[in-house]
């Protein structure tokens, strides 16, 4: 698994997981996951214009993606942990 942070070492990863808590489950590198664009847009407070089905820019409800990179990070001011995950869409 590709973790970046303070050197990406095992100690940093274990500390991150302890801070995140037992209910947090980060996907593994190369694992297939579902990406829900609507939830992401709500999270980053974006406004989206939904268009008719004839337009190719239509937002799909869910996309199958593969995890290509994971960074376990923490906010310096609040020490809140979060994961930055890079996804690659799978071909239909």
PDB file of N, CA and C in Angstrom:
ATOM      1  N   UNK A   1       0.851  -1.181   0.000  1.00  0.00           N
ATOM      2  CA  UNK A   1       0.000   0.000   0.000  1.00  0.00           C
ATOM      3  C   UNK A   1       0.886   1.229   0.000  1.00  0.00           C
ATOM      4  N   UNK A   2       0.508   2.228  -0.761  1.00  0.00           N
ATOM      5  CA  UNK A   2       1.329   3.427  -0.895  1.00  0.00           C
ATOM      6  C   UNK A   2       0.817   4.518   0.042  1.00  0.00           C
ATOM      7  N   UNK A   3       1.434   4.660   1.188  1.00  0.00           N
ATOM      8  CA  UNK A   3       1.068   5.705   2.128  1.00  0.00           C
ATOM      9  C   UNK A   3       2.144   6.769   2.114  1.00  0.00           C
ATOM     10  N   UNK A   4       1.701   8.017   2.056  1.00  0.00           N
ATOM     11  CA  UNK A   4       2.651   9.115   2.147  1.00  0.00           C
ATOM     12  C   UNK A   4       2.336   9.889   3.416  1.00  0.00           C
ATOM     13  N   UNK A   5       3.240  10.566   3.914  1.00  0.00           N
ATOM     14  CA  UNK A   5       3.036  11.345   5.133  1.00  0.00           C
ATOM     15  C   UNK A   5       4.403  11.653   5.675  1.00  0.00           C
ATOM     16  N   UNK A   6       4.664  11.286   6.871  1.00  0.00           N
ATOM     17  CA  UNK A   6       5.983  11.485   7.466  1.00  0.00           C
ATOM     18  C   UNK A   6       6.855  10.290   7.112  1.00  0.00           C
ATOM     19  N   UNK A   7       7.275  10.247   5.872  1.00  0.00           N
ATOM     20  CA  UNK A   7       8.142   9.171   5.440  1.00  0.00           C
ATOM     21  C   UNK A   7       7.382   7.936   4.984  1.00  0.00           C
ATOM     22  N   UNK A   8       6.075   7.862   5.197  1.00  0.00           N
ATOM     23  CA  UNK A   8       5.300   6.720   4.773  1.00  0.00           C
ATOM     24  C   UNK A   8       5.632   5.456   5.542  1.00  0.00           C
ATOM     25  N   UNK A   9       6.225   5.574   6.715  1.00  0.00           N
ATOM     26  CA  UNK A   9       6.659   4.397   7.455  1.00  0.00           C
ATOM     27  C   UNK A   9       5.514   3.716   8.206  1.00  0.00           C
ATOM     28  N   UNK A  10       5.786   2.515   8.690  1.00  0.00           N
ATOM     29  CA  UNK A  10       4.773   1.712   9.381  1.00  0.00           C
ATOM     30  C   UNK A  10       4.288   2.375  10.668  1.00  0.00           C
ATOM     31  N   UNK A  11       5.183   3.032  11.393  1.00  0.00           N
ATOM     32  CA  UNK A  11       4.795   3.689  12.640  1.00  0.00           C
ATOM     33  C   UNK A  11       3.788   4.804  12.376  1.00  0.00           C
ATOM     34  N   UNK A  12       4.020   5.602  11.335  1.00  0.00           N
ATOM     35  CA  UNK A  12       3.093   6.677  10.978  1.00  0.00           C
ATOM     36  C   UNK A  12       1.726   6.106  10.614  1.00  0.00           C
ATOM     37  N   UNK A  13       1.718   5.033   9.836  1.00  0.00           N
ATOM     38  CA  UNK A  13       0.470   4.391   9.422  1.00  0.00           C
ATOM     39  C   UNK A  13      -0.300   3.880  10.630  1.00  0.00           C
ATOM     40  N   UNK A  14       0.371   3.213  11.546  1.00  0.00           N
ATOM     41  CA  UNK A  14      -0.294   2.692  12.745  1.00  0.00           C
ATOM     42  C   UNK A  14      -0.837   3.827  13.610  1.00  0.00           C
ATOM     43  N   UNK A  15      -0.073   4.885  13.778  1.00  0.00           N
ATOM     44  CA  UNK A  15      -0.519   6.040  14.554  1.00  0.00           C
ATOM     45  C   UNK A  15      -1.739   6.686  13.908  1.00  0.00           C
ATOM     46  N   UNK A  16      -1.709   6.829  12.574  1.00  0.00           N
ATOM     47  CA  UNK A  16      -2.850   7.395  11.850  1.00  0.00           C
ATOM     48  C   UNK A  16      -4.094   6.556  12.086  1.00  0.00           C
ATOM     49  N   UNK A  17      -3.964   5.236  11.969  1.00  0.00           N
ATOM     50  CA  UNK A  17      -5.110   4.336  12.162  1.00  0.00           C
ATOM     51  C   UNK A  17      -5.645   4.411  13.588  1.00  0.00           C
ATOM     52  N   UNK A  18      -4.782   4.535  14.571  1.00  0.00           N
ATOM     53  CA  UNK A  18      -5.223   4.673  15.957  1.00  0.00           C
ATOM     54  C   UNK A  18      -5.989   5.976  16.165  1.00  0.00           C
ATOM     55  N   UNK A  19      -5.518   7.056  15.566  1.00  0.00           N
ATOM     56  CA  UNK A  19      -6.207   8.345  15.677  1.00  0.00           C
ATOM     57  C   UNK A  19      -7.538   8.330  14.933  1.00  0.00           C
ATOM     58  N   UNK A  20      -7.602   7.635  13.812  1.00  0.00           N
ATOM     59  CA  UNK A  20      -8.832   7.574  13.012  1.00  0.00           C
ATOM     60  C   UNK A  20      -9.922   6.778  13.721  1.00  0.00           C
ATOM     61  N   UNK A  21      -9.540   5.756  14.452  1.00  0.00           N
ATOM     62  CA  UNK A  21     -10.516   4.964  15.186  1.00  0.00           C
ATOM     63  C   UNK A  21     -10.863   3.660  14.483  1.00  0.00           C
ATOM     64  N   UNK A  22     -11.503   2.763  15.232  1.00  0.00           N
ATOM     65  CA  UNK A  22     -11.769   1.414  14.716  1.00  0.00           C
ATOM     66  C   UNK A  22     -12.835   1.351  13.619  1.00  0.00           C
ATOM     67  N   UNK A  23     -13.634   2.380  13.458  1.00  0.00           N
ATOM     68  CA  UNK A  23     -14.702   2.352  12.459  1.00  0.00           C
ATOM     69  C   UNK A  23     -14.254   2.849  11.090  1.00  0.00           C
ATOM     70  N   UNK A  24     -13.032   3.360  10.990  1.00  0.00           N
ATOM     71  CA  UNK A  24     -12.521   3.884   9.728  1.00  0.00           C
ATOM     72  C   UNK A  24     -11.869   2.749   8.948  1.00  0.00           C
ATOM     73  N   UNK A  25     -12.288   2.596   7.695  1.00  0.00           N
ATOM     74  CA  UNK A  25     -11.739   1.563   6.827  1.00  0.00           C
ATOM     75  C   UNK A  25     -11.267   2.226   5.534  1.00  0.00           C
ATOM     76  N   UNK A  26      -9.966   2.269   5.323  1.00  0.00           N
ATOM     77  CA  UNK A  26      -9.383   2.861   4.121  1.00  0.00           C
ATOM     78  C   UNK A  26      -9.183   1.739   3.110  1.00  0.00           C
ATOM     79  N   UNK A  27      -9.615   1.935   1.858  1.00  0.00           N
ATOM     80  CA  UNK A  27      -9.423   0.881   0.865  1.00  0.00           C
ATOM     81  C   UNK A  27      -7.945   0.621   0.595  1.00  0.00           C
ATOM     82  N   UNK A  28      -7.653  -0.576   0.113  1.00  0.00           N
ATOM     83  CA  UNK A  28      -6.291  -0.979  -0.221  1.00  0.00           C
ATOM     84  C   UNK A  28      -5.914  -0.467  -1.611  1.00  0.00           C
ATOM     85  N   UNK A  29      -4.619  -0.321  -1.848  1.00  0.00           N
ATOM     86  CA  UNK A  29      -4.114   0.050  -3.169  1.00  0.00           C
ATOM     87  C   UNK A  29      -4.568  -0.995  -4.184  1.00  0.00           C
ATOM     88  N   UNK A  30      -5.025  -0.555  -5.351  1.00  0.00           N
ATOM     89  CA  UNK A  30      -5.501  -1.382  -6.463  1.00  0.00           C
ATOM     90  C   UNK A  30      -6.883  -2.001  -6.220  1.00  0.00           C
ATOM     91  N   UNK A  31      -7.512  -1.700  -5.104  1.00  0.00           N
ATOM     92  CA  UNK A  31      -8.853  -2.216  -4.814  1.00  0.00           C
ATOM     93  C   UNK A  31      -9.886  -1.472  -5.654  1.00  0.00           C
ATOM     94  N   UNK A  32     -10.944  -2.187  -6.080  1.00  0.00           N
ATOM     95  CA  UNK A  32     -12.051  -1.553  -6.788  1.00  0.00           C
ATOM     96  C   UNK A  32     -13.016  -0.966  -5.762  1.00  0.00           C
ATOM     97  N   UNK A  33     -13.460   0.271  -6.025  1.00  0.00           N
ATOM     98  CA  UNK A  33     -14.398   0.960  -5.138  1.00  0.00           C
ATOM     99  C   UNK A  33     -15.456   1.661  -5.980  1.00  0.00           C
ATOM    100  N   UNK A  34     -16.547   2.031  -5.352  1.00  0.00           N
ATOM    101  CA  UNK A  34     -17.570   2.841  -6.009  1.00  0.00           C
ATOM    102  C   UNK A  34     -17.328   4.301  -5.659  1.00  0.00           C
ATOM    103  N   UNK A  35     -17.365   5.155  -6.663  1.00  0.00           N
ATOM    104  CA  UNK A  35     -17.248   6.603  -6.469  1.00  0.00           C
ATOM    105  C   UNK A  35     -18.600   7.220  -6.775  1.00  0.00           C
ATOM    106  N   UNK A  36     -19.139   7.996  -5.831  1.00  0.00           N
ATOM    107  CA  UNK A  36     -20.427   8.661  -5.984  1.00  0.00           C
ATOM    108  C   UNK A  36     -20.189  10.161  -6.149  1.00  0.00           C
ATOM    109  N   UNK A  37     -20.226  10.671  -7.389  1.00  0.00           N
ATOM    110  CA  UNK A  37     -19.926  12.087  -7.636  1.00  0.00           C
ATOM    111  C   UNK A  37     -20.836  13.042  -6.867  1.00  0.00           C
ATOM    112  N   UNK A  38     -22.103  12.689  -6.699  1.00  0.00           N
ATOM    113  CA  UNK A  38     -23.017  13.589  -6.004  1.00  0.00           C
ATOM    114  C   UNK A  38     -22.565  13.822  -4.563  1.00  0.00           C
ATOM    115  N   UNK A  39     -22.130  12.767  -3.897  1.00  0.00           N
ATOM    116  CA  UNK A  39     -21.652  12.906  -2.522  1.00  0.00           C
ATOM    117  C   UNK A  39     -20.394  13.747  -2.447  1.00  0.00           C
ATOM    118  N   UNK A  40     -19.515  13.589  -3.421  1.00  0.00           N
ATOM    119  CA  UNK A  40     -18.286  14.385  -3.464  1.00  0.00           C
ATOM    120  C   UNK A  40     -18.620  15.855  -3.681  1.00  0.00           C
ATOM    121  N   UNK A  41     -19.554  16.129  -4.599  1.00  0.00           N
ATOM    122  CA  UNK A  41     -19.942  17.517  -4.870  1.00  0.00           C
ATOM    123  C   UNK A  41     -20.545  18.166  -3.631  1.00  0.00           C
ATOM    124  N   UNK A  42     -21.353  17.406  -2.887  1.00  0.00           N
ATOM    125  CA  UNK A  42     -21.919  17.942  -1.649  1.00  0.00           C
ATOM    126  C   UNK A  42     -20.816  18.217  -0.638  1.00  0.00           C
ATOM    127  N   UNK A  43     -19.840  17.306  -0.556  1.00  0.00           N
ATOM    128  CA  UNK A  43     -18.756  17.448   0.418  1.00  0.00           C
ATOM    129  C   UNK A  43     -17.908  18.683   0.141  1.00  0.00           C
ATOM    130  N   UNK A  44     -17.613  18.973  -1.106  1.00  0.00           N
ATOM    131  CA  UNK A  44     -16.785  20.132  -1.434  1.00  0.00           C
ATOM    132  C   UNK A  44     -17.627  21.365  -1.741  1.00  0.00           C
ATOM    133  N   UNK A  45     -18.930  21.257  -1.519  1.00  0.00           N
ATOM    134  CA  UNK A  45     -19.889  22.355  -1.667  1.00  0.00           C
ATOM    135  C   UNK A  45     -19.874  22.946  -3.073  1.00  0.00           C
ATOM    136  N   UNK A  46     -19.883  22.049  -4.069  1.00  0.00           N
ATOM    137  CA  UNK A  46     -19.948  22.484  -5.465  1.00  0.00           C
ATOM    138  C   UNK A  46     -21.403  22.580  -5.897  1.00  0.00           C
ATOM    139  N   UNK A  47     -21.641  23.402  -6.884  1.00  0.00           N
ATOM    140  CA  UNK A  47     -22.945  23.477  -7.507  1.00  0.00           C
ATOM    141  C   UNK A  47     -22.860  22.751  -8.833  1.00  0.00           C
ATOM    142  N   UNK A  48     -23.835  21.879  -9.083  1.00  0.00           N
ATOM    143  CA  UNK A  48     -23.795  21.095 -10.320  1.00  0.00           C
ATOM    144  C   UNK A  48     -25.089  21.283 -11.082  1.00  0.00           C
ATOM    145  N   UNK A  49     -24.965  21.493 -12.365  1.00  0.00           N
ATOM    146  CA  UNK A  49     -26.116  21.598 -13.248  1.00  0.00           C
ATOM    147  C   UNK A  49     -26.334  20.232 -13.889  1.00  0.00           C
ATOM    148  N   UNK A  50     -27.463  19.597 -13.560  1.00  0.00           N
ATOM    149  CA  UNK A  50     -27.768  18.295 -14.140  1.00  0.00           C
ATOM    150  C   UNK A  50     -28.453  18.535 -15.474  1.00  0.00           C
ATOM    151  N   UNK A  51     -27.946  17.911 -16.506  1.00  0.00           N
ATOM    152  CA  UNK A  51     -28.435  18.111 -17.856  1.00  0.00           C
ATOM    153  C   UNK A  51     -29.135  16.859 -18.353  1.00  0.00           C
ATOM    154  N   UNK A  52     -29.798  16.971 -19.482  1.00  0.00           N
ATOM    155  CA  UNK A  52     -30.548  15.857 -20.046  1.00  0.00           C
ATOM    156  C   UNK A  52     -29.652  14.706 -20.461  1.00  0.00           C
ATOM    157  N   UNK A  53     -30.253  13.551 -20.696  1.00  0.00           N
ATOM    158  CA  UNK A  53     -29.504  12.335 -21.003  1.00  0.00           C
ATOM    159  C   UNK A  53     -28.827  12.383 -22.369  1.00  0.00           C
ATOM    160  N   UNK A  54     -29.155  13.349 -23.224  1.00  0.00           N
ATOM    161  CA  UNK A  54     -28.523  13.450 -24.537  1.00  0.00           C
ATOM    162  C   UNK A  54     -27.136  14.073 -24.461  1.00  0.00           C
ATOM    163  N   UNK A  55     -26.802  14.711 -23.345  1.00  0.00           N
ATOM    164  CA  UNK A  55     -25.521  15.395 -23.199  1.00  0.00           C
ATOM    165  C   UNK A  55     -24.495  14.451 -22.575  1.00  0.00           C
ATOM    166  N   UNK A  56     -23.269  14.423 -23.106  1.00  0.00           N
ATOM    167  CA  UNK A  56     -22.236  13.522 -22.599  1.00  0.00           C
ATOM    168  C   UNK A  56     -21.691  13.955 -21.243  1.00  0.00           C
ATOM    169  N   UNK A  57     -21.979  15.179 -20.785  1.00  0.00           N
ATOM    170  CA  UNK A  57     -21.465  15.650 -19.499  1.00  0.00           C
ATOM    171  C   UNK A  57     -22.372  15.262 -18.341  1.00  0.00           C
ATOM    172  N   UNK A  58     -23.318  14.401 -18.603  1.00  0.00           N
ATOM    173  CA  UNK A  58     -24.244  13.948 -17.559  1.00  0.00           C
ATOM    174  C   UNK A  58     -23.482  13.235 -16.445  1.00  0.00           C
ATOM    175  N   UNK A  59     -23.874  13.474 -15.210  1.00  0.00           N
ATOM    176  CA  UNK A  59     -23.213  12.870 -14.060  1.00  0.00           C
ATOM    177  C   UNK A  59     -23.826  11.505 -13.793  1.00  0.00           C
ATOM    178  N   UNK A  60     -22.984  10.484 -13.734  1.00  0.00           N
ATOM    179  CA  UNK A  60     -23.449   9.140 -13.400  1.00  0.00           C
ATOM    180  C   UNK A  60     -23.680   9.059 -11.896  1.00  0.00           C
ATOM    181  N   UNK A  61     -24.587   8.168 -11.478  1.00  0.00           N
ATOM    182  CA  UNK A  61     -24.886   8.053 -10.053  1.00  0.00           C
ATOM    183  C   UNK A  61     -23.770   7.346  -9.294  1.00  0.00           C
ATOM    184  N   UNK A  62     -23.072   6.408  -9.938  1.00  0.00           N
ATOM    185  CA  UNK A  62     -21.956   5.710  -9.306  1.00  0.00           C
ATOM    186  C   UNK A  62     -20.997   5.236 -10.379  1.00  0.00           C
ATOM    187  N   UNK A  63     -19.728   5.306 -10.088  1.00  0.00           N
ATOM    188  CA  UNK A  63     -18.694   4.873 -11.028  1.00  0.00           C
ATOM    189  C   UNK A  63     -17.785   3.876 -10.333  1.00  0.00           C
ATOM    190  N   UNK A  64     -17.422   2.802 -11.038  1.00  0.00           N
ATOM    191  CA  UNK A  64     -16.462   1.849 -10.503  1.00  0.00           C
ATOM    192  C   UNK A  64     -15.072   2.394 -10.809  1.00  0.00           C
ATOM    193  N   UNK A  65     -14.245   2.485  -9.767  1.00  0.00           N
ATOM    194  CA  UNK A  65     -12.890   3.016  -9.906  1.00  0.00           C
ATOM    195  C   UNK A  65     -11.908   2.087  -9.200  1.00  0.00           C
ATOM    196  N   UNK A  66     -10.639   2.269  -9.514  1.00  0.00           N
ATOM    197  CA  UNK A  66      -9.574   1.530  -8.839  1.00  0.00           C
ATOM    198  C   UNK A  66      -8.736   2.536  -8.054  1.00  0.00           C
ATOM    199  N   UNK A  67      -8.370   2.174  -6.827  1.00  0.00           N
ATOM    200  CA  UNK A  67      -7.529   3.014  -5.978  1.00  0.00           C
ATOM    201  C   UNK A  67      -6.100   2.954  -6.510  1.00  0.00           C
ATOM    202  N   UNK A  68      -5.530   4.119  -6.846  1.00  0.00           N
ATOM    203  CA  UNK A  68      -4.171   4.152  -7.378  1.00  0.00           C
ATOM    204  C   UNK A  68      -3.161   4.784  -6.416  1.00  0.00           C
ATOM    205  N   UNK A  69      -3.644   5.553  -5.443  1.00  0.00           N
ATOM    206  CA  UNK A  69      -2.731   6.175  -4.478  1.00  0.00           C
ATOM    207  C   UNK A  69      -3.499   6.565  -3.221  1.00  0.00           C
ATOM    208  N   UNK A  70      -2.864   6.384  -2.077  1.00  0.00           N
ATOM    209  CA  UNK A  70      -3.476   6.731  -0.791  1.00  0.00           C
ATOM    210  C   UNK A  70      -2.461   7.539   0.011  1.00  0.00           C
ATOM    211  N   UNK A  71      -2.921   8.665   0.548  1.00  0.00           N
ATOM    212  CA  UNK A  71      -2.095   9.461   1.465  1.00  0.00           C
ATOM    213  C   UNK A  71      -2.861   9.607   2.766  1.00  0.00           C
ATOM    214  N   UNK A  72      -2.280   9.183   3.865  1.00  0.00           N
ATOM    215  CA  UNK A  72      -2.871   9.343   5.192  1.00  0.00           C
ATOM    216  C   UNK A  72      -2.305  10.625   5.781  1.00  0.00           C
ATOM    217  N   UNK A  73      -3.180  11.585   6.057  1.00  0.00           N
ATOM    218  CA  UNK A  73      -2.745  12.920   6.454  1.00  0.00           C
ATOM    219  C   UNK A  73      -3.446  13.365   7.737  1.00  0.00           C
ATOM    220  N   UNK A  74      -2.971  14.479   8.299  1.00  0.00           N
ATOM    221  CA  UNK A  74      -3.589  15.083   9.473  1.00  0.00           C
ATOM    222  C   UNK A  74      -3.494  16.601   9.357  1.00  0.00           C
ATOM    223  N   UNK A  75      -4.568  17.274   9.764  1.00  0.00           N
ATOM    224  CA  UNK A  75      -4.546  18.736   9.831  1.00  0.00           C
ATOM    225  C   UNK A  75      -3.601  19.145  10.951  1.00  0.00           C
ATOM    226  N   UNK A  76      -2.703  20.054  10.672  1.00  0.00           N
ATOM    227  CA  UNK A  76      -1.727  20.461  11.680  1.00  0.00           C
ATOM    228  C   UNK A  76      -2.358  21.209  12.844  1.00  0.00           C
ATOM    229  N   UNK A  77      -3.356  22.040  12.568  1.00  0.00           N
ATOM    230  CA  UNK A  77      -3.954  22.852  13.632  1.00  0.00           C
ATOM    231  C   UNK A  77      -4.905  22.065  14.517  1.00  0.00           C
ATOM    232  N   UNK A  78      -5.649  21.116  13.933  1.00  0.00           N
ATOM    233  CA  UNK A  78      -6.666  20.385  14.699  1.00  0.00           C
ATOM    234  C   UNK A  78      -6.276  18.938  14.965  1.00  0.00           C
ATOM    235  N   UNK A  79      -5.249  18.434  14.319  1.00  0.00           N
ATOM    236  CA  UNK A  79      -4.789  17.050  14.398  1.00  0.00           C
ATOM    237  C   UNK A  79      -5.885  16.082  13.933  1.00  0.00           C
ATOM    238  N   UNK A  80      -6.835  16.572  13.155  1.00  0.00           N
ATOM    239  CA  UNK A  80      -7.869  15.710  12.584  1.00  0.00           C
ATOM    240  C   UNK A  80      -7.254  14.934  11.421  1.00  0.00           C
ATOM    241  N   UNK A  81      -7.480  13.614  11.409  1.00  0.00           N
ATOM    242  CA  UNK A  81      -6.894  12.788  10.357  1.00  0.00           C
ATOM    243  C   UNK A  81      -7.874  12.613   9.206  1.00  0.00           C
ATOM    244  N   UNK A  82      -7.310  12.446   8.006  1.00  0.00           N
ATOM    245  CA  UNK A  82      -8.117  12.195   6.821  1.00  0.00           C
ATOM    246  C   UNK A  82      -7.256  11.469   5.793  1.00  0.00           C
ATOM    247  N   UNK A  83      -7.926  10.833   4.836  1.00  0.00           N
ATOM    248  CA  UNK A  83      -7.210  10.126   3.777  1.00  0.00           C
ATOM    249  C   UNK A  83      -7.465  10.825   2.450  1.00  0.00           C
ATOM    250  N   UNK A  84      -6.415  11.039   1.694  1.00  0.00           N
ATOM    251  CA  UNK A  84      -6.523  11.580   0.345  1.00  0.00           C
ATOM    252  C   UNK A  84      -6.309  10.390  -0.594  1.00  0.00           C
ATOM    253  N   UNK A  85      -7.352  10.041  -1.350  1.00  0.00           N
ATOM    254  CA  UNK A  85      -7.325   8.833  -2.177  1.00  0.00           C
ATOM    255  C   UNK A  85      -7.489   9.223  -3.639  1.00  0.00           C
ATOM    256  N   UNK A  86      -6.563   8.765  -4.473  1.00  0.00           N
ATOM    257  CA  UNK A  86      -6.625   9.018  -5.911  1.00  0.00           C
ATOM    258  C   UNK A  86      -7.252   7.794  -6.580  1.00  0.00           C
ATOM    259  N   UNK A  87      -8.275   8.066  -7.414  1.00  0.00           N
ATOM    260  CA  UNK A  87      -9.007   6.983  -8.084  1.00  0.00           C
ATOM    261  C   UNK A  87      -8.822   7.056  -9.586  1.00  0.00           C
ATOM    262  N   UNK A  88      -8.806   5.893 -10.227  1.00  0.00           N
ATOM    263  CA  UNK A  88      -8.763   5.785 -11.685  1.00  0.00           C
ATOM    264  C   UNK A  88     -10.052   5.095 -12.128  1.00  0.00           C
ATOM    265  N   UNK A  89     -10.880   5.757 -12.970  1.00  0.00           N
ATOM    266  CA  UNK A  89     -12.114   5.108 -13.430  1.00  0.00           C
ATOM    267  C   UNK A  89     -11.805   3.825 -14.205  1.00  0.00           C
ATOM    268  N   UNK A  90     -12.612   2.808 -13.977  1.00  0.00           N
ATOM    269  CA  UNK A  90     -12.504   1.551 -14.718  1.00  0.00           C
ATOM    270  C   UNK A  90     -13.268   1.679 -16.027  1.00  0.00           C
ATOM    271  N   UNK A  91     -12.788   1.029 -17.075  1.00  0.00           N
ATOM    272  CA  UNK A  91     -13.473   1.034 -18.356  1.00  0.00           C
ATOM    273  C   UNK A  91     -14.786   0.277 -18.231  1.00  0.00           C
ATOM    274  N   UNK A  92     -15.810   0.790 -18.901  1.00  0.00           N
ATOM    275  CA  UNK A  92     -17.132   0.147 -18.825  1.00  0.00           C
ATOM    276  C   UNK A  92     -17.142  -1.148 -19.547  1.00  0.00           C
TER     277      UNK A  92
END
